[in-house]
Amino acid sequence: MIMAQFLGVFLLNYYFLFPIGNNPTGTIAGPGKEFYVDEYEITNLAWREFLFFMEEKDSNNLSKLVPDSASWYKVYSGNYLKPNDFDNYPVVGIDFFQVSLFCEWRSEVVSKRTGKEIIYYLPSKEEFNLAVDFFNKNEFTAKLSDVHIIDKKSKVKGLCSNVSEMTNVEGFAIGANWNSESASCYLQSTYTENSEYVGFRCFAKFVK
């Protein structure tokens, strides 16, 4: 089973799922608490945990959710499906459909654990820019980094670093990435396939 391959130690209470505090799990409150923003970009380890859950639900279609290996190996090394030195780096090689399923799954799991209905989603361009305006104290990092060690002065890490981030418009991403010439947090880019330069973080809202 793939499950046995990629999780030597299964972290059931990983930060992006385990309820801590009053905010939606894993997030920091945005301006006016109109939405909440993931503190970190979604990591390789977080994506593997998603695969673990999805194998339990539908093992026949699990291969459709594994990141594109060609994109992944351009920046990382080793076997993606096993714990490795890049567990806490942003996941790449994923597409809009896969990420949409991740957000749906996370919404379901966290809502069930907290007893509050919470939606995790990809942000609009406007929401992402508001988050940059509100949180940004970032210094551009021109290489991929562990999400836990960059931008230590900022509550929300990596808005201007690591990877450009998906929005709710398929094929449209915002923010500088480790390969971009610009260091602008507002840099806009398009992608037509899985990319080693594009990852994501979730935004979240309580359902009233």
C-alpha atoms as a PDB file:
ATOM      1  CA  MET A   1       0.000   0.000   0.000  1.00  0.00           C
ATOM      2  CA  ILE A   2       1.138   3.544  -0.743  1.00  0.00           C
ATOM      3  CA  MET A   3       0.187   4.495   2.813  1.00  0.00           C
ATOM      4  CA  ALA A   4       2.957   2.360   4.215  1.00  0.00           C
ATOM      5  CA  GLN A   5       5.442   3.855   1.760  1.00  0.00           C
ATOM      6  CA  PHE A   6       5.216   7.514   2.544  1.00  0.00           C
ATOM      7  CA  LEU A   7       4.546   7.899   6.235  1.00  0.00           C
ATOM      8  CA  GLY A   8       7.148   6.457   8.539  1.00  0.00           C
ATOM      9  CA  VAL A   9       5.523   8.456  11.344  1.00  0.00           C
ATOM     10  CA  PHE A  10       1.933   9.592  10.812  1.00  0.00           C
ATOM     11  CA  LEU A  11       1.362  12.996  12.385  1.00  0.00           C
ATOM     12  CA  LEU A  12      -2.389  12.913  12.930  1.00  0.00           C
ATOM     13  CA  ASN A  13      -2.397  16.213  14.825  1.00  0.00           C
ATOM     14  CA  TYR A  14      -0.350  18.168  12.337  1.00  0.00           C
ATOM     15  CA  TYR A  15      -0.714  21.954  12.699  1.00  0.00           C
ATOM     16  CA  PHE A  16      -2.966  22.506   9.662  1.00  0.00           C
ATOM     17  CA  LEU A  17      -5.601  20.072  11.012  1.00  0.00           C
ATOM     18  CA  PHE A  18      -5.350  20.160  14.796  1.00  0.00           C
ATOM     19  CA  PRO A  19      -7.550  22.784  16.513  1.00  0.00           C
ATOM     20  CA  ILE A  20      -5.561  25.343  18.521  1.00  0.00           C
ATOM     21  CA  GLY A  21      -7.079  28.649  19.628  1.00  0.00           C
ATOM     22  CA  ASN A  22     -10.109  30.365  18.144  1.00  0.00           C
ATOM     23  CA  ASN A  23      -8.963  30.858  14.560  1.00  0.00           C
ATOM     24  CA  PRO A  24      -9.561  28.255  11.862  1.00  0.00           C
ATOM     25  CA  THR A  25      -6.820  25.690  12.324  1.00  0.00           C
ATOM     26  CA  GLY A  26      -3.411  26.765  11.000  1.00  0.00           C
ATOM     27  CA  THR A  27      -4.429  30.346  10.214  1.00  0.00           C
ATOM     28  CA  ILE A  28      -3.871  33.949  11.291  1.00  0.00           C
ATOM     29  CA  ALA A  29      -6.739  36.468  11.293  1.00  0.00           C
ATOM     30  CA  GLY A  30      -6.718  38.863   8.345  1.00  0.00           C
ATOM     31  CA  PRO A  31      -7.892  42.492   8.309  1.00  0.00           C
ATOM     32  CA  GLY A  32     -11.166  42.869  10.200  1.00  0.00           C
ATOM     33  CA  LYS A  33     -11.295  39.065  10.587  1.00  0.00           C
ATOM     34  CA  GLU A  34     -13.113  38.980   7.255  1.00  0.00           C
ATOM     35  CA  PHE A  35     -10.946  36.025   6.338  1.00  0.00           C
ATOM     36  CA  TYR A  36      -8.066  34.019   7.802  1.00  0.00           C
ATOM     37  CA  VAL A  37      -4.741  33.184   6.162  1.00  0.00           C
ATOM     38  CA  ASP A  38      -2.577  30.091   6.547  1.00  0.00           C
ATOM     39  CA  GLU A  39       0.547  30.934   8.508  1.00  0.00           C
ATOM     40  CA  TYR A  40       2.592  28.771   6.133  1.00  0.00           C
ATOM     41  CA  GLU A  41       2.437  27.596   2.553  1.00  0.00           C
ATOM     42  CA  ILE A  42       1.143  24.027   2.323  1.00  0.00           C
ATOM     43  CA  THR A  43       4.112  21.698   2.668  1.00  0.00           C
ATOM     44  CA  ASN A  44       5.128  18.363   1.217  1.00  0.00           C
ATOM     45  CA  LEU A  45       4.395  16.727   4.571  1.00  0.00           C
ATOM     46  CA  ALA A  46       0.917  18.259   4.707  1.00  0.00           C
ATOM     47  CA  TRP A  47       0.206  16.988   1.198  1.00  0.00           C
ATOM     48  CA  ARG A  48       1.341  13.483   2.141  1.00  0.00           C
ATOM     49  CA  GLU A  49      -1.038  13.566   5.088  1.00  0.00           C
ATOM     50  CA  PHE A  50      -3.807  14.465   2.625  1.00  0.00           C
ATOM     51  CA  LEU A  51      -2.808  11.429   0.546  1.00  0.00           C
ATOM     52  CA  PHE A  52      -2.941   9.243   3.651  1.00  0.00           C
ATOM     53  CA  PHE A  53      -6.541  10.237   4.341  1.00  0.00           C
ATOM     54  CA  MET A  54      -7.567   9.990   0.688  1.00  0.00           C
ATOM     55  CA  GLU A  55      -6.149   6.474   0.372  1.00  0.00           C
ATOM     56  CA  GLU A  56      -8.501   5.416   3.151  1.00  0.00           C
ATOM     57  CA  LYS A  57     -11.400   6.983   1.274  1.00  0.00           C
ATOM     58  CA  ASP A  58     -10.652   6.008  -2.330  1.00  0.00           C
ATOM     59  CA  SER A  59      -7.407   4.148  -2.923  1.00  0.00           C
ATOM     60  CA  ASN A  60      -8.225   3.502  -6.604  1.00  0.00           C
ATOM     61  CA  ASN A  61      -7.930   7.182  -7.508  1.00  0.00           C
ATOM     62  CA  LEU A  62      -5.045   8.087  -5.202  1.00  0.00           C
ATOM     63  CA  SER A  63      -2.538   8.266  -8.067  1.00  0.00           C
ATOM     64  CA  LYS A  64      -4.452  11.265  -9.454  1.00  0.00           C
ATOM     65  CA  LEU A  65      -3.536  13.265  -6.342  1.00  0.00           C
ATOM     66  CA  VAL A  66       0.204  12.575  -6.239  1.00  0.00           C
ATOM     67  CA  PRO A  67       2.269  15.638  -7.310  1.00  0.00           C
ATOM     68  CA  ASP A  68       3.813  15.601 -10.765  1.00  0.00           C
ATOM     69  CA  SER A  69       7.185  13.946 -10.205  1.00  0.00           C
ATOM     70  CA  ALA A  70       8.902  15.755 -13.095  1.00  0.00           C
ATOM     71  CA  SER A  71       8.128  19.159 -11.537  1.00  0.00           C
ATOM     72  CA  TRP A  72       8.972  17.965  -8.040  1.00  0.00           C
ATOM     73  CA  TYR A  73      12.374  16.505  -8.978  1.00  0.00           C
ATOM     74  CA  LYS A  74      13.407  19.766 -10.644  1.00  0.00           C
ATOM     75  CA  VAL A  75      13.722  21.337  -7.197  1.00  0.00           C
ATOM     76  CA  TYR A  76      13.827  18.468  -4.711  1.00  0.00           C
ATOM     77  CA  SER A  77      15.412  15.037  -4.668  1.00  0.00           C
ATOM     78  CA  GLY A  78      14.681  11.568  -3.377  1.00  0.00           C
ATOM     79  CA  ASN A  79      11.399   9.695  -3.206  1.00  0.00           C
ATOM     80  CA  TYR A  80       8.466  12.087  -2.777  1.00  0.00           C
ATOM     81  CA  LEU A  81       6.285   9.494  -1.090  1.00  0.00           C
ATOM     82  CA  LYS A  82       8.728   8.899   1.764  1.00  0.00           C
ATOM     83  CA  PRO A  83       9.717  11.251   4.601  1.00  0.00           C
ATOM     84  CA  ASN A  84      12.736  13.274   3.489  1.00  0.00           C
ATOM     85  CA  ASP A  85      14.711  16.469   3.997  1.00  0.00           C
ATOM     86  CA  PHE A  86      12.049  18.489   2.168  1.00  0.00           C
ATOM     87  CA  ASP A  87       9.041  17.649   4.342  1.00  0.00           C
ATOM     88  CA  ASN A  88       8.641  21.279   5.456  1.00  0.00           C
ATOM     89  CA  TYR A  89       9.189  22.858   2.059  1.00  0.00           C
ATOM     90  CA  PRO A  90       6.225  24.039  -0.047  1.00  0.00           C
ATOM     91  CA  VAL A  91       4.599  21.377  -2.174  1.00  0.00           C
ATOM     92  CA  VAL A  92       4.976  21.911  -5.937  1.00  0.00           C
ATOM     93  CA  GLY A  93       3.874  19.987  -9.006  1.00  0.00           C
ATOM     94  CA  ILE A  94       0.216  20.086  -7.982  1.00  0.00           C
ATOM     95  CA  ASP A  95      -2.674  21.382 -10.113  1.00  0.00           C
ATOM     96  CA  PHE A  96      -5.825  23.395  -9.532  1.00  0.00           C
ATOM     97  CA  PHE A  97      -8.078  20.332  -9.376  1.00  0.00           C
ATOM     98  CA  GLN A  98      -5.892  18.593  -6.791  1.00  0.00           C
ATOM     99  CA  VAL A  99      -5.686  21.717  -4.637  1.00  0.00           C
ATOM    100  CA  SER A 100      -9.467  22.204  -4.774  1.00  0.00           C
ATOM    101  CA  LEU A 101      -9.911  18.662  -3.435  1.00  0.00           C
ATOM    102  CA  PHE A 102      -7.339  19.381  -0.693  1.00  0.00           C
ATOM    103  CA  CYS A 103      -9.320  22.456   0.415  1.00  0.00           C
ATOM    104  CA  GLU A 104     -12.591  20.490   0.457  1.00  0.00           C
ATOM    105  CA  TRP A 105     -11.007  17.681   2.463  1.00  0.00           C
ATOM    106  CA  ARG A 106      -9.408  20.043   4.975  1.00  0.00           C
ATOM    107  CA  SER A 107     -12.692  21.931   5.417  1.00  0.00           C
ATOM    108  CA  GLU A 108     -14.467  18.673   6.210  1.00  0.00           C
ATOM    109  CA  VAL A 109     -11.824  17.372   8.642  1.00  0.00           C
ATOM    110  CA  VAL A 110     -11.367  20.621  10.586  1.00  0.00           C
ATOM    111  CA  SER A 111     -15.101  21.364  10.755  1.00  0.00           C
ATOM    112  CA  LYS A 112     -15.690  17.900  12.187  1.00  0.00           C
ATOM    113  CA  ARG A 113     -12.916  18.279  14.768  1.00  0.00           C
ATOM    114  CA  THR A 114     -13.858  21.780  15.905  1.00  0.00           C
ATOM    115  CA  GLY A 115     -17.636  21.493  15.755  1.00  0.00           C
ATOM    116  CA  LYS A 116     -17.668  24.729  13.732  1.00  0.00           C
ATOM    117  CA  GLU A 117     -18.317  24.928  10.016  1.00  0.00           C
ATOM    118  CA  ILE A 118     -15.152  26.249   8.376  1.00  0.00           C
ATOM    119  CA  ILE A 119     -14.342  26.612   4.700  1.00  0.00           C
ATOM    120  CA  TYR A 120     -10.765  26.534   3.428  1.00  0.00           C
ATOM    121  CA  TYR A 121     -10.316  27.885  -0.080  1.00  0.00           C
ATOM    122  CA  LEU A 122      -7.975  29.489  -2.583  1.00  0.00           C
ATOM    123  CA  PRO A 123      -8.086  33.287  -2.294  1.00  0.00           C
ATOM    124  CA  SER A 124      -9.148  35.809  -4.874  1.00  0.00           C
ATOM    125  CA  LYS A 125      -6.525  38.171  -6.230  1.00  0.00           C
ATOM    126  CA  GLU A 126      -8.025  40.924  -4.085  1.00  0.00           C
ATOM    127  CA  GLU A 127      -7.886  38.857  -0.886  1.00  0.00           C
ATOM    128  CA  PHE A 128      -4.288  37.860  -1.500  1.00  0.00           C
ATOM    129  CA  ASN A 129      -3.268  41.482  -2.026  1.00  0.00           C
ATOM    130  CA  LEU A 130      -5.110  42.520   1.146  1.00  0.00           C
ATOM    131  CA  ALA A 131      -3.178  39.862   3.042  1.00  0.00           C
ATOM    132  CA  VAL A 132       0.099  41.189   1.626  1.00  0.00           C
ATOM    133  CA  ASP A 133      -0.817  44.738   2.659  1.00  0.00           C
ATOM    134  CA  PHE A 134      -1.800  43.600   6.144  1.00  0.00           C
ATOM    135  CA  PHE A 135       0.943  41.107   6.970  1.00  0.00           C
ATOM    136  CA  ASN A 136       3.917  41.762   4.763  1.00  0.00           C
ATOM    137  CA  LYS A 137       7.201  42.225   6.548  1.00  0.00           C
ATOM    138  CA  ASN A 138       8.895  39.735   4.308  1.00  0.00           C
ATOM    139  CA  GLU A 139      12.342  39.791   2.869  1.00  0.00           C
ATOM    140  CA  PHE A 140      12.509  38.111  -0.516  1.00  0.00           C
ATOM    141  CA  THR A 141      14.305  34.756  -0.455  1.00  0.00           C
ATOM    142  CA  ALA A 142      15.684  33.777  -3.848  1.00  0.00           C
ATOM    143  CA  LYS A 143      15.738  30.064  -3.062  1.00  0.00           C
ATOM    144  CA  LEU A 144      13.313  27.498  -1.767  1.00  0.00           C
ATOM    145  CA  SER A 145      13.318  27.382   2.026  1.00  0.00           C
ATOM    146  CA  ASP A 146      11.785  25.474   4.902  1.00  0.00           C
ATOM    147  CA  VAL A 147       8.519  27.317   5.591  1.00  0.00           C
ATOM    148  CA  HIS A 148       9.261  27.457   9.311  1.00  0.00           C
ATOM    149  CA  ILE A 149      12.540  29.355   9.057  1.00  0.00           C
ATOM    150  CA  ILE A 150      11.811  32.216   6.633  1.00  0.00           C
ATOM    151  CA  ASP A 151      10.232  35.583   7.396  1.00  0.00           C
ATOM    152  CA  LYS A 152      10.470  35.211  11.156  1.00  0.00           C
ATOM    153  CA  LYS A 153       9.296  38.796  11.714  1.00  0.00           C
ATOM    154  CA  SER A 154       6.012  38.207   9.916  1.00  0.00           C
ATOM    155  CA  LYS A 155       2.983  36.399  11.317  1.00  0.00           C
ATOM    156  CA  VAL A 156       2.266  34.981   7.870  1.00  0.00           C
ATOM    157  CA  LYS A 157       5.367  33.440   6.319  1.00  0.00           C
ATOM    158  CA  GLY A 158       6.513  33.415   2.723  1.00  0.00           C
ATOM    159  CA  LEU A 159       4.054  35.716   0.978  1.00  0.00           C
ATOM    160  CA  CYS A 160       6.959  37.109  -1.045  1.00  0.00           C
ATOM    161  CA  SER A 161       9.200  34.048  -1.042  1.00  0.00           C
ATOM    162  CA  ASN A 162       9.415  30.377  -1.901  1.00  0.00           C
ATOM    163  CA  VAL A 163       6.686  29.824  -4.515  1.00  0.00           C
ATOM    164  CA  SER A 164       4.096  31.899  -6.315  1.00  0.00           C
ATOM    165  CA  GLU A 165       0.700  31.020  -4.882  1.00  0.00           C
ATOM    166  CA  MET A 166      -2.455  29.841  -6.590  1.00  0.00           C
ATOM    167  CA  THR A 167      -5.599  31.956  -6.547  1.00  0.00           C
ATOM    168  CA  ASN A 168      -9.218  30.951  -7.114  1.00  0.00           C
ATOM    169  CA  VAL A 169      -8.743  31.584 -10.829  1.00  0.00           C
ATOM    170  CA  GLU A 170      -7.276  28.490 -12.445  1.00  0.00           C
ATOM    171  CA  GLY A 171      -3.918  29.220 -14.074  1.00  0.00           C
ATOM    172  CA  PHE A 172      -3.369  32.511 -12.203  1.00  0.00           C
ATOM    173  CA  ALA A 173      -0.854  32.898  -9.357  1.00  0.00           C
ATOM    174  CA  ILE A 174       0.463  35.824  -7.303  1.00  0.00           C
ATOM    175  CA  GLY A 175       3.721  36.557  -5.511  1.00  0.00           C
ATOM    176  CA  ALA A 176       7.420  36.231  -6.202  1.00  0.00           C
ATOM    177  CA  ASN A 177       8.970  32.789  -6.353  1.00  0.00           C
ATOM    178  CA  TRP A 178      12.458  31.362  -5.960  1.00  0.00           C
ATOM    179  CA  ASN A 179      13.113  31.745  -9.686  1.00  0.00           C
ATOM    180  CA  SER A 180      11.429  35.074 -10.467  1.00  0.00           C
ATOM    181  CA  GLU A 181      13.416  38.152 -11.398  1.00  0.00           C
ATOM    182  CA  SER A 182      11.041  40.345  -9.445  1.00  0.00           C
ATOM    183  CA  ALA A 183      10.831  40.292  -5.650  1.00  0.00           C
ATOM    184  CA  SER A 184       7.360  41.852  -5.645  1.00  0.00           C
ATOM    185  CA  CYS A 185       4.680  40.306  -3.444  1.00  0.00           C
ATOM    186  CA  TYR A 186       2.186  41.518  -6.047  1.00  0.00           C
ATOM    187  CA  LEU A 187       3.886  39.807  -8.986  1.00  0.00           C
ATOM    188  CA  GLN A 188       1.257  38.129 -11.172  1.00  0.00           C
ATOM    189  CA  SER A 189       1.964  35.047 -13.233  1.00  0.00           C
ATOM    190  CA  THR A 190       0.135  32.401 -15.210  1.00  0.00           C
ATOM    191  CA  TYR A 191       0.681  28.675 -15.379  1.00  0.00           C
ATOM    192  CA  THR A 192      -0.747  26.163 -17.828  1.00  0.00           C
ATOM    193  CA  GLU A 193       0.580  22.977 -16.234  1.00  0.00           C
ATOM    194  CA  ASN A 194       2.086  21.678 -13.008  1.00  0.00           C
ATOM    195  CA  SER A 195       4.990  23.941 -12.114  1.00  0.00           C
ATOM    196  CA  GLU A 196       8.005  23.848  -9.826  1.00  0.00           C
ATOM    197  CA  TYR A 197       7.426  27.568  -9.206  1.00  0.00           C
ATOM    198  CA  VAL A 198       3.792  27.402  -8.041  1.00  0.00           C
ATOM    199  CA  GLY A 199       2.366  26.228  -4.718  1.00  0.00           C
ATOM    200  CA  PHE A 200      -0.440  27.444  -2.486  1.00  0.00           C
ATOM    201  CA  ARG A 201      -1.754  28.283   0.940  1.00  0.00           C
ATOM    202  CA  CYS A 202      -5.374  28.199   2.065  1.00  0.00           C
ATOM    203  CA  PHE A 203      -7.495  31.095   3.192  1.00  0.00           C
ATOM    204  CA  ALA A 204     -10.417  30.309   5.499  1.00  0.00           C
ATOM    205  CA  LYS A 205     -13.765  31.615   6.728  1.00  0.00           C
ATOM    206  CA  PHE A 206     -16.302  30.600   9.347  1.00  0.00           C
ATOM    207  CA  VAL A 207     -19.699  29.740   7.885  1.00  0.00           C
ATOM    208  CA  LYS A 208     -22.273  31.800   9.742  1.00  0.00           C
END
